[in-house]
Amino acid sequence: MREILDIFNPQVHRSGDTVTVLYSHLTFSGSCTYQEHHMKGTNKPINQRFFILTGCEMGDVIEYIHRTSPLSSENFNEVNLLIREHSLETLNKELHSGSLS
């Protein structure tokens, strides 16, 4: 099922501290939005950068998945987790490629 998400050609866009992973294929679209945070250690000068998922609007994407591979109500949590993991992996790839600073 992971391959289905790849056909949506996910793209990552930044606006300030907000990073959005956009999915689009034909007339189906969706997005997962992350908020970037930075923390500095109190005892050690370690800077940490992390992203918190603040929104995920993937109704069209789930509908497309359902049309290509019918889903049952039991599959919902699996698909929900798959989408969240895929969007985070996409975000991390963009971070490591250097295109998001």
N, C-alpha and C. Protein backbone atom coordinates (compact mmCIF):
# COMPACT_ATOMS: atom_id res chain seq x y z
N MET A 1 0.83 -1.20 0.00
CA MET A 1 0.00 0.00 0.00
C MET A 1 0.87 1.26 0.00
N ARG A 2 2.10 1.13 0.49
CA ARG A 2 3.01 2.26 0.54
C ARG A 2 3.28 2.83 -0.86
N GLU A 3 3.29 1.96 -1.87
CA GLU A 3 3.55 2.40 -3.25
C GLU A 3 2.48 3.36 -3.73
N ILE A 4 1.26 3.18 -3.24
CA ILE A 4 0.16 4.05 -3.66
C ILE A 4 0.46 5.50 -3.27
N LEU A 5 1.04 5.71 -2.10
CA LEU A 5 1.34 7.07 -1.66
C LEU A 5 2.42 7.72 -2.52
N ASP A 6 3.33 6.92 -3.06
CA ASP A 6 4.40 7.48 -3.88
C ASP A 6 3.89 8.08 -5.19
N ILE A 7 2.75 7.58 -5.70
CA ILE A 7 2.24 8.13 -6.97
C ILE A 7 1.66 9.53 -6.78
N PHE A 8 1.48 9.94 -5.53
CA PHE A 8 0.97 11.29 -5.25
C PHE A 8 2.06 12.36 -5.36
N ASN A 9 3.29 11.93 -5.65
CA ASN A 9 4.40 12.85 -5.83
C ASN A 9 4.46 13.88 -4.69
N PRO A 10 4.74 13.44 -3.47
CA PRO A 10 4.74 14.37 -2.33
C PRO A 10 5.80 15.45 -2.48
N GLN A 11 5.42 16.66 -2.12
CA GLN A 11 6.32 17.81 -2.17
C GLN A 11 6.31 18.50 -0.81
N VAL A 12 7.46 19.00 -0.42
CA VAL A 12 7.60 19.63 0.89
C VAL A 12 7.78 21.14 0.70
N HIS A 13 6.99 21.91 1.46
CA HIS A 13 7.05 23.37 1.40
C HIS A 13 7.20 23.92 2.81
N ARG A 14 8.02 24.97 2.92
CA ARG A 14 8.24 25.62 4.21
C ARG A 14 7.70 27.04 4.17
N SER A 15 7.08 27.44 5.28
CA SER A 15 6.66 28.82 5.47
C SER A 15 6.95 29.16 6.93
N GLY A 16 8.06 29.82 7.18
CA GLY A 16 8.48 30.09 8.55
C GLY A 16 8.80 28.80 9.27
N ASP A 17 8.18 28.58 10.41
CA ASP A 17 8.40 27.35 11.18
C ASP A 17 7.42 26.24 10.80
N THR A 18 6.57 26.49 9.82
CA THR A 18 5.59 25.50 9.39
C THR A 18 6.09 24.80 8.13
N VAL A 19 6.08 23.47 8.18
CA VAL A 19 6.49 22.67 7.03
C VAL A 19 5.30 21.81 6.63
N THR A 20 4.96 21.83 5.35
CA THR A 20 3.81 21.09 4.85
C THR A 20 4.25 20.10 3.79
N VAL A 21 3.78 18.85 3.93
CA VAL A 21 4.02 17.83 2.92
C VAL A 21 2.72 17.73 2.12
N LEU A 22 2.79 18.08 0.85
CA LEU A 22 1.61 18.09 -0.02
C LEU A 22 1.58 16.86 -0.91
N TYR A 23 0.41 16.26 -1.02
CA TYR A 23 0.18 15.11 -1.87
C TYR A 23 -0.82 15.50 -2.94
N SER A 24 -0.53 15.14 -4.21
CA SER A 24 -1.45 15.48 -5.28
C SER A 24 -1.34 14.46 -6.41
N HIS A 25 -2.50 13.98 -6.85
CA HIS A 25 -2.57 13.04 -7.98
C HIS A 25 -3.96 13.16 -8.59
N LEU A 26 -4.01 13.50 -9.87
CA LEU A 26 -5.27 13.74 -10.57
C LEU A 26 -6.07 14.77 -9.79
N THR A 27 -7.28 14.43 -9.36
CA THR A 27 -8.09 15.40 -8.62
C THR A 27 -8.03 15.15 -7.11
N PHE A 28 -7.18 14.25 -6.68
CA PHE A 28 -7.06 13.90 -5.26
C PHE A 28 -5.86 14.63 -4.66
N SER A 29 -6.06 15.18 -3.47
CA SER A 29 -4.96 15.89 -2.82
C SER A 29 -5.08 15.77 -1.30
N GLY A 30 -3.99 16.06 -0.63
CA GLY A 30 -3.98 16.03 0.82
C GLY A 30 -2.71 16.69 1.33
N SER A 31 -2.65 16.89 2.64
CA SER A 31 -1.46 17.51 3.21
C SER A 31 -1.29 17.10 4.67
N CYS A 32 -0.04 17.08 5.10
CA CYS A 32 0.32 16.89 6.50
C CYS A 32 1.17 18.09 6.88
N THR A 33 0.83 18.73 7.98
CA THR A 33 1.49 19.95 8.41
C THR A 33 2.26 19.69 9.70
N TYR A 34 3.50 20.18 9.72
CA TYR A 34 4.38 20.03 10.88
C TYR A 34 4.83 21.39 11.36
N GLN A 35 5.04 21.50 12.66
CA GLN A 35 5.58 22.72 13.26
C GLN A 35 6.99 22.40 13.73
N GLU A 36 7.95 23.21 13.30
CA GLU A 36 9.35 23.00 13.68
C GLU A 36 9.62 23.63 15.05
N HIS A 37 10.36 22.91 15.89
CA HIS A 37 10.74 23.41 17.21
C HIS A 37 12.22 23.17 17.44
N HIS A 38 12.80 24.02 18.26
CA HIS A 38 14.20 23.88 18.65
C HIS A 38 14.27 23.90 20.17
N MET A 39 15.09 23.03 20.72
CA MET A 39 15.31 23.00 22.17
C MET A 39 16.81 22.98 22.43
N LYS A 40 17.20 23.69 23.45
CA LYS A 40 18.60 23.67 23.87
C LYS A 40 18.64 23.07 25.26
N GLY A 41 19.57 22.14 25.46
CA GLY A 41 19.70 21.48 26.76
C GLY A 41 20.01 22.46 27.87
N THR A 42 19.52 22.16 29.06
CA THR A 42 19.78 23.04 30.20
C THR A 42 21.13 22.74 30.84
N ASN A 43 21.54 21.47 30.84
CA ASN A 43 22.82 21.10 31.44
C ASN A 43 23.93 20.96 30.41
N LYS A 44 23.58 20.63 29.20
CA LYS A 44 24.56 20.47 28.13
C LYS A 44 24.13 21.33 26.94
N PRO A 45 25.10 21.90 26.25
CA PRO A 45 24.74 22.77 25.12
C PRO A 45 24.39 21.97 23.85
N ILE A 46 23.38 21.13 23.96
CA ILE A 46 22.95 20.32 22.83
C ILE A 46 21.69 20.95 22.25
N ASN A 47 21.75 21.27 20.97
CA ASN A 47 20.58 21.81 20.28
C ASN A 47 19.83 20.67 19.61
N GLN A 48 18.54 20.63 19.82
CA GLN A 48 17.70 19.62 19.18
C GLN A 48 16.68 20.31 18.30
N ARG A 49 16.48 19.73 17.14
CA ARG A 49 15.49 20.23 16.18
C ARG A 49 14.50 19.09 15.96
N PHE A 50 13.23 19.39 16.11
CA PHE A 50 12.22 18.35 15.90
C PHE A 50 10.95 18.96 15.32
N PHE A 51 10.13 18.09 14.76
CA PHE A 51 8.90 18.51 14.10
C PHE A 51 7.71 17.82 14.75
N ILE A 52 6.67 18.58 15.00
CA ILE A 52 5.44 18.05 15.60
C ILE A 52 4.34 18.12 14.54
N LEU A 53 3.70 16.98 14.32
CA LEU A 53 2.59 16.92 13.38
C LEU A 53 1.41 17.67 13.99
N THR A 54 0.96 18.73 13.31
CA THR A 54 -0.14 19.54 13.84
C THR A 54 -1.43 19.39 13.06
N GLY A 55 -1.34 18.80 11.86
CA GLY A 55 -2.56 18.62 11.07
C GLY A 55 -2.32 17.64 9.94
N CYS A 56 -3.38 16.92 9.60
CA CYS A 56 -3.27 15.94 8.52
C CYS A 56 -4.64 15.86 7.83
N GLU A 57 -4.73 16.44 6.65
CA GLU A 57 -5.97 16.45 5.88
C GLU A 57 -5.78 15.53 4.68
N MET A 58 -6.10 14.25 4.84
CA MET A 58 -5.81 13.27 3.80
C MET A 58 -7.05 12.52 3.34
N GLY A 59 -8.22 13.13 3.46
CA GLY A 59 -9.48 12.49 3.07
C GLY A 59 -9.50 12.05 1.62
N ASP A 60 -9.04 12.92 0.72
CA ASP A 60 -9.01 12.57 -0.72
C ASP A 60 -8.05 11.41 -0.98
N VAL A 61 -6.92 11.43 -0.31
CA VAL A 61 -5.92 10.37 -0.49
C VAL A 61 -6.47 9.04 -0.01
N ILE A 62 -7.14 9.05 1.13
CA ILE A 62 -7.75 7.82 1.66
C ILE A 62 -8.83 7.32 0.71
N GLU A 63 -9.59 8.24 0.14
CA GLU A 63 -10.63 7.85 -0.82
C GLU A 63 -10.00 7.19 -2.05
N TYR A 64 -8.90 7.77 -2.54
CA TYR A 64 -8.21 7.18 -3.70
C TYR A 64 -7.70 5.78 -3.35
N ILE A 65 -7.11 5.64 -2.18
CA ILE A 65 -6.63 4.32 -1.74
C ILE A 65 -7.79 3.33 -1.69
N HIS A 66 -8.91 3.79 -1.17
CA HIS A 66 -10.10 2.93 -1.06
C HIS A 66 -10.60 2.50 -2.44
N ARG A 67 -10.55 3.41 -3.40
CA ARG A 67 -11.00 3.08 -4.76
C ARG A 67 -10.08 2.06 -5.43
N THR A 68 -8.78 2.17 -5.18
CA THR A 68 -7.84 1.25 -5.83
C THR A 68 -7.68 -0.06 -5.08
N SER A 69 -7.88 -0.02 -3.77
CA SER A 69 -7.75 -1.20 -2.93
C SER A 69 -8.75 -1.05 -1.79
N PRO A 70 -9.96 -1.58 -1.95
CA PRO A 70 -11.02 -1.34 -0.96
C PRO A 70 -10.57 -1.57 0.49
N LEU A 71 -10.92 -0.60 1.32
CA LEU A 71 -10.55 -0.63 2.73
C LEU A 71 -11.76 -0.98 3.59
N SER A 72 -11.48 -1.63 4.70
CA SER A 72 -12.54 -1.88 5.69
C SER A 72 -12.28 -0.94 6.87
N SER A 73 -13.21 -0.87 7.77
CA SER A 73 -13.04 0.02 8.92
C SER A 73 -11.85 -0.42 9.78
N GLU A 74 -11.50 -1.69 9.72
CA GLU A 74 -10.35 -2.19 10.48
C GLU A 74 -9.04 -1.67 9.91
N ASN A 75 -9.04 -1.31 8.62
CA ASN A 75 -7.82 -0.83 7.97
C ASN A 75 -7.53 0.64 8.27
N PHE A 76 -8.48 1.35 8.86
CA PHE A 76 -8.33 2.79 9.02
C PHE A 76 -7.07 3.16 9.81
N ASN A 77 -6.84 2.53 10.96
CA ASN A 77 -5.67 2.86 11.77
C ASN A 77 -4.38 2.57 11.02
N GLU A 78 -4.35 1.47 10.30
CA GLU A 78 -3.17 1.10 9.52
C GLU A 78 -2.88 2.16 8.44
N VAL A 79 -3.91 2.58 7.73
CA VAL A 79 -3.75 3.58 6.68
C VAL A 79 -3.36 4.93 7.29
N ASN A 80 -3.98 5.29 8.39
CA ASN A 80 -3.68 6.54 9.08
C ASN A 80 -2.20 6.58 9.49
N LEU A 81 -1.72 5.50 10.09
CA LEU A 81 -0.32 5.42 10.51
C LEU A 81 0.60 5.43 9.30
N LEU A 82 0.24 4.73 8.25
CA LEU A 82 1.04 4.69 7.03
C LEU A 82 1.22 6.09 6.44
N ILE A 83 0.15 6.86 6.38
CA ILE A 83 0.20 8.22 5.85
C ILE A 83 1.12 9.09 6.70
N ARG A 84 0.97 9.02 8.00
CA ARG A 84 1.79 9.84 8.90
C ARG A 84 3.27 9.47 8.79
N GLU A 85 3.56 8.17 8.75
CA GLU A 85 4.95 7.73 8.62
C GLU A 85 5.54 8.16 7.27
N HIS A 86 4.75 8.01 6.21
CA HIS A 86 5.21 8.38 4.87
C HIS A 86 5.51 9.88 4.80
N SER A 87 4.66 10.70 5.37
CA SER A 87 4.88 12.15 5.32
C SER A 87 6.12 12.53 6.13
N LEU A 88 6.34 11.89 7.26
CA LEU A 88 7.52 12.18 8.07
C LEU A 88 8.79 11.71 7.35
N GLU A 89 8.75 10.56 6.71
CA GLU A 89 9.89 10.09 5.92
C GLU A 89 10.20 11.07 4.78
N THR A 90 9.16 11.55 4.13
CA THR A 90 9.34 12.52 3.04
C THR A 90 9.98 13.79 3.57
N LEU A 91 9.52 14.27 4.71
CA LEU A 91 10.08 15.46 5.34
C LEU A 91 11.55 15.23 5.68
N ASN A 92 11.87 14.09 6.28
CA ASN A 92 13.26 13.80 6.65
C ASN A 92 14.17 13.68 5.43
N LYS A 93 13.68 13.12 4.34
CA LYS A 93 14.48 13.05 3.11
C LYS A 93 14.83 14.45 2.62
N GLU A 94 13.86 15.35 2.66
CA GLU A 94 14.09 16.72 2.23
C GLU A 94 15.10 17.42 3.15
N LEU A 95 15.00 17.15 4.44
CA LEU A 95 15.94 17.75 5.39
C LEU A 95 17.36 17.27 5.12
N HIS A 96 17.52 15.97 4.90
CA HIS A 96 18.84 15.40 4.69
C HIS A 96 19.41 15.76 3.32
N SER A 97 18.56 16.07 2.37
CA SER A 97 19.05 16.46 1.05
C SER A 97 19.54 17.91 1.06
N GLY A 98 19.16 18.64 2.10
CA GLY A 98 19.60 20.04 2.21
C GLY A 98 18.67 21.03 1.55
N SER A 99 17.58 20.58 0.96
CA SER A 99 16.69 21.52 0.30
C SER A 99 15.83 22.32 1.29
N LEU A 100 15.70 21.79 2.50
CA LEU A 100 15.05 22.55 3.59
C LEU A 100 16.13 22.90 4.59
N SER A 101 16.31 24.17 4.87
CA SER A 101 17.36 24.52 5.83
C SER A 101 16.78 24.80 7.19
